[in-house]
Amino acid sequence: MPTPSGHTRAIAASRVTGTSVYNEQGEKIGHVEDVVLDKMSDKVMFAVLGFGGFLGIGERYHAMPWSMLDYNSDTGGYVVGLSRDVLEKAPSYDLNDLMKQDGAGQSPSMDYYAPYARH
């Protein structure tokens, strides 16, 4: 079954990290820093998106449901259906904090993005 944009569902994590993320207006808003896996369920727990900063200094990290990112071949990156304002108000973390308590540290983010997630 393809993704909403018609792409295949399977993708290597190495192809995802570093990929640019855009909003629906075509503005580059960040990049995929990492993808966190749940070893017990064999599923993606969340995508880690990096926003702002320069060369990693001052960068903020957001945990976002993986399903919210949809690849767009025209931009060569992922598109999220959120405005820059919504993303700037989202909970942000230090990268290491996202991994605390077996990834439970990202729960506020999942709650924040729930109204925007595809159902």
C-alpha atoms as a PDB file:
ATOM      1  CA  MET A   1       0.000   0.000   0.000  1.00  0.00           C
ATOM      2  CA  PRO A   2       1.533   3.357  -0.988  1.00  0.00           C
ATOM      3  CA  THR A   3       1.836   6.488   1.139  1.00  0.00           C
ATOM      4  CA  PRO A   4      -0.663   9.357   0.626  1.00  0.00           C
ATOM      5  CA  SER A   5       1.607  10.781  -2.093  1.00  0.00           C
ATOM      6  CA  GLY A   6       1.875   7.409  -3.854  1.00  0.00           C
ATOM      7  CA  HIS A   7       5.392   6.460  -2.752  1.00  0.00           C
ATOM      8  CA  THR A   8       6.372   3.075  -1.401  1.00  0.00           C
ATOM      9  CA  ARG A   9       5.992   2.494   2.333  1.00  0.00           C
ATOM     10  CA  ALA A  10       9.407   0.902   2.849  1.00  0.00           C
ATOM     11  CA  ILE A  11      12.496   3.114   3.058  1.00  0.00           C
ATOM     12  CA  ALA A  12      15.961   2.715   4.543  1.00  0.00           C
ATOM     13  CA  ALA A  13      16.579   4.980   7.551  1.00  0.00           C
ATOM     14  CA  SER A  14      19.910   6.000   6.028  1.00  0.00           C
ATOM     15  CA  ARG A  15      17.999   7.624   3.169  1.00  0.00           C
ATOM     16  CA  VAL A  16      15.775   9.557   5.570  1.00  0.00           C
ATOM     17  CA  THR A  17      18.280  11.223   7.894  1.00  0.00           C
ATOM     18  CA  GLY A  18      19.403  14.597   6.655  1.00  0.00           C
ATOM     19  CA  THR A  19      16.457  14.981   4.288  1.00  0.00           C
ATOM     20  CA  SER A  20      14.938  18.464   4.241  1.00  0.00           C
ATOM     21  CA  VAL A  21      11.459  19.091   5.642  1.00  0.00           C
ATOM     22  CA  TYR A  22       9.114  21.668   4.120  1.00  0.00           C
ATOM     23  CA  ASN A  23       5.721  23.069   5.031  1.00  0.00           C
ATOM     24  CA  GLU A  24       2.882  23.031   2.509  1.00  0.00           C
ATOM     25  CA  GLN A  25       3.864  26.516   1.315  1.00  0.00           C
ATOM     26  CA  GLY A  26       7.210  25.115   0.135  1.00  0.00           C
ATOM     27  CA  GLU A  27       9.295  26.787   2.862  1.00  0.00           C
ATOM     28  CA  LYS A  28      12.179  24.703   4.164  1.00  0.00           C
ATOM     29  CA  ILE A  29      11.572  24.419   7.899  1.00  0.00           C
ATOM     30  CA  GLY A  30      14.196  21.912   8.968  1.00  0.00           C
ATOM     31  CA  HIS A  31      15.529  18.424   8.380  1.00  0.00           C
ATOM     32  CA  VAL A  32      15.121  14.877   9.602  1.00  0.00           C
ATOM     33  CA  GLU A  33      17.789  14.462  12.252  1.00  0.00           C
ATOM     34  CA  ASP A  34      16.963  10.857  13.088  1.00  0.00           C
ATOM     35  CA  VAL A  35      14.294   8.186  13.263  1.00  0.00           C
ATOM     36  CA  VAL A  36      13.687   6.435  16.589  1.00  0.00           C
ATOM     37  CA  LEU A  37      12.691   2.778  16.472  1.00  0.00           C
ATOM     38  CA  ASP A  38      10.851   0.694  19.030  1.00  0.00           C
ATOM     39  CA  LYS A  39      12.853  -2.524  19.175  1.00  0.00           C
ATOM     40  CA  MET A  40      10.041  -4.430  20.857  1.00  0.00           C
ATOM     41  CA  SER A  41       7.246  -3.617  18.412  1.00  0.00           C
ATOM     42  CA  ASP A  42       9.356  -3.335  15.234  1.00  0.00           C
ATOM     43  CA  LYS A  43       7.768   0.070  14.534  1.00  0.00           C
ATOM     44  CA  VAL A  44       8.956   3.640  14.205  1.00  0.00           C
ATOM     45  CA  MET A  45       8.346   5.495  17.483  1.00  0.00           C
ATOM     46  CA  PHE A  46       8.859   8.968  16.029  1.00  0.00           C
ATOM     47  CA  ALA A  47      10.898  11.105  13.674  1.00  0.00           C
ATOM     48  CA  VAL A  48      13.297  13.640  15.157  1.00  0.00           C
ATOM     49  CA  LEU A  49      13.236  16.907  13.244  1.00  0.00           C
ATOM     50  CA  GLY A  50      15.882  19.589  13.632  1.00  0.00           C
ATOM     51  CA  PHE A  51      14.858  23.238  13.299  1.00  0.00           C
ATOM     52  CA  GLY A  52      16.850  26.421  13.537  1.00  0.00           C
ATOM     53  CA  GLY A  53      20.390  26.801  14.732  1.00  0.00           C
ATOM     54  CA  PHE A  54      23.563  26.933  12.735  1.00  0.00           C
ATOM     55  CA  LEU A  55      25.904  23.951  12.404  1.00  0.00           C
ATOM     56  CA  GLY A  56      24.091  22.269  15.285  1.00  0.00           C
ATOM     57  CA  ILE A  57      24.426  25.243  17.648  1.00  0.00           C
ATOM     58  CA  GLY A  58      21.093  26.454  18.982  1.00  0.00           C
ATOM     59  CA  GLU A  59      19.212  23.808  17.059  1.00  0.00           C
ATOM     60  CA  ARG A  60      15.903  22.632  18.511  1.00  0.00           C
ATOM     61  CA  TYR A  61      14.657  19.081  18.110  1.00  0.00           C
ATOM     62  CA  HIS A  62      11.059  18.023  17.749  1.00  0.00           C
ATOM     63  CA  ALA A  63       9.663  14.513  18.039  1.00  0.00           C
ATOM     64  CA  MET A  64       6.959  14.124  15.425  1.00  0.00           C
ATOM     65  CA  PRO A  65       4.806  11.169  14.412  1.00  0.00           C
ATOM     66  CA  TRP A  66       6.524   9.545  11.441  1.00  0.00           C
ATOM     67  CA  SER A  67       3.189   9.320   9.611  1.00  0.00           C
ATOM     68  CA  MET A  68       2.982  13.126   9.427  1.00  0.00           C
ATOM     69  CA  LEU A  69       5.908  13.296   7.003  1.00  0.00           C
ATOM     70  CA  ASP A  70       5.076  12.706   3.364  1.00  0.00           C
ATOM     71  CA  TYR A  71       7.824  12.587   0.751  1.00  0.00           C
ATOM     72  CA  ASN A  72       7.505  15.013  -2.162  1.00  0.00           C
ATOM     73  CA  SER A  73       9.689  14.255  -5.170  1.00  0.00           C
ATOM     74  CA  ASP A  74       9.342  17.830  -6.486  1.00  0.00           C
ATOM     75  CA  THR A  75      11.125  19.245  -3.420  1.00  0.00           C
ATOM     76  CA  GLY A  76      13.256  16.167  -2.779  1.00  0.00           C
ATOM     77  CA  GLY A  77      12.151  16.290   0.834  1.00  0.00           C
ATOM     78  CA  TYR A  78       9.364  15.634   3.277  1.00  0.00           C
ATOM     79  CA  VAL A  79       6.314  17.851   3.584  1.00  0.00           C
ATOM     80  CA  VAL A  80       4.348  18.329   6.798  1.00  0.00           C
ATOM     81  CA  GLY A  81       0.912  19.891   6.828  1.00  0.00           C
ATOM     82  CA  LEU A  82       1.849  22.397   9.523  1.00  0.00           C
ATOM     83  CA  SER A  83       2.661  26.071   9.465  1.00  0.00           C
ATOM     84  CA  ARG A  84       5.984  27.405  10.699  1.00  0.00           C
ATOM     85  CA  ASP A  85       4.094  28.997  13.602  1.00  0.00           C
ATOM     86  CA  VAL A  86       2.642  25.639  14.733  1.00  0.00           C
ATOM     87  CA  LEU A  87       6.089  24.046  14.568  1.00  0.00           C
ATOM     88  CA  GLU A  88       7.755  26.881  16.454  1.00  0.00           C
ATOM     89  CA  LYS A  89       5.245  26.453  19.286  1.00  0.00           C
ATOM     90  CA  ALA A  90       5.714  22.674  19.444  1.00  0.00           C
ATOM     91  CA  PRO A  91       7.593  21.130  22.376  1.00  0.00           C
ATOM     92  CA  SER A  92      11.304  21.028  21.634  1.00  0.00           C
ATOM     93  CA  TYR A  93      14.053  19.072  23.302  1.00  0.00           C
ATOM     94  CA  ASP A  94      17.717  18.417  23.636  1.00  0.00           C
ATOM     95  CA  LEU A  95      18.438  15.431  21.416  1.00  0.00           C
ATOM     96  CA  ASN A  96      19.442  13.224  24.367  1.00  0.00           C
ATOM     97  CA  ASP A  97      16.250  14.055  26.281  1.00  0.00           C
ATOM     98  CA  LEU A  98      14.162  12.386  23.588  1.00  0.00           C
ATOM     99  CA  MET A  99      15.721   9.031  24.414  1.00  0.00           C
ATOM    100  CA  LYS A 100      15.182   9.181  28.174  1.00  0.00           C
ATOM    101  CA  GLN A 101      12.747   6.713  29.705  1.00  0.00           C
ATOM    102  CA  ASP A 102      12.859   4.530  26.583  1.00  0.00           C
ATOM    103  CA  GLY A 103      11.594   7.345  24.391  1.00  0.00           C
ATOM    104  CA  ALA A 104       8.729   8.309  26.713  1.00  0.00           C
ATOM    105  CA  GLY A 105      10.239  11.810  26.957  1.00  0.00           C
ATOM    106  CA  GLN A 106       8.601  12.658  23.645  1.00  0.00           C
ATOM    107  CA  SER A 107       5.018  12.062  24.857  1.00  0.00           C
ATOM    108  CA  PRO A 108       4.145  15.800  25.070  1.00  0.00           C
ATOM    109  CA  SER A 109       5.029  16.108  21.392  1.00  0.00           C
ATOM    110  CA  MET A 110       2.751  13.284  20.357  1.00  0.00           C
ATOM    111  CA  ASP A 111      -0.090  14.945  22.288  1.00  0.00           C
ATOM    112  CA  TYR A 112       0.711  18.323  20.672  1.00  0.00           C
ATOM    113  CA  TYR A 113       0.653  16.912  17.133  1.00  0.00           C
ATOM    114  CA  ALA A 114      -2.428  14.668  17.638  1.00  0.00           C
ATOM    115  CA  PRO A 115      -4.927  17.254  16.276  1.00  0.00           C
ATOM    116  CA  TYR A 116      -2.833  17.577  13.089  1.00  0.00           C
ATOM    117  CA  ALA A 117      -2.148  13.866  12.464  1.00  0.00           C
ATOM    118  CA  ARG A 118      -3.703  12.031   9.540  1.00  0.00           C
ATOM    119  CA  HIS A 119      -6.373   9.573  10.570  1.00  0.00           C
END
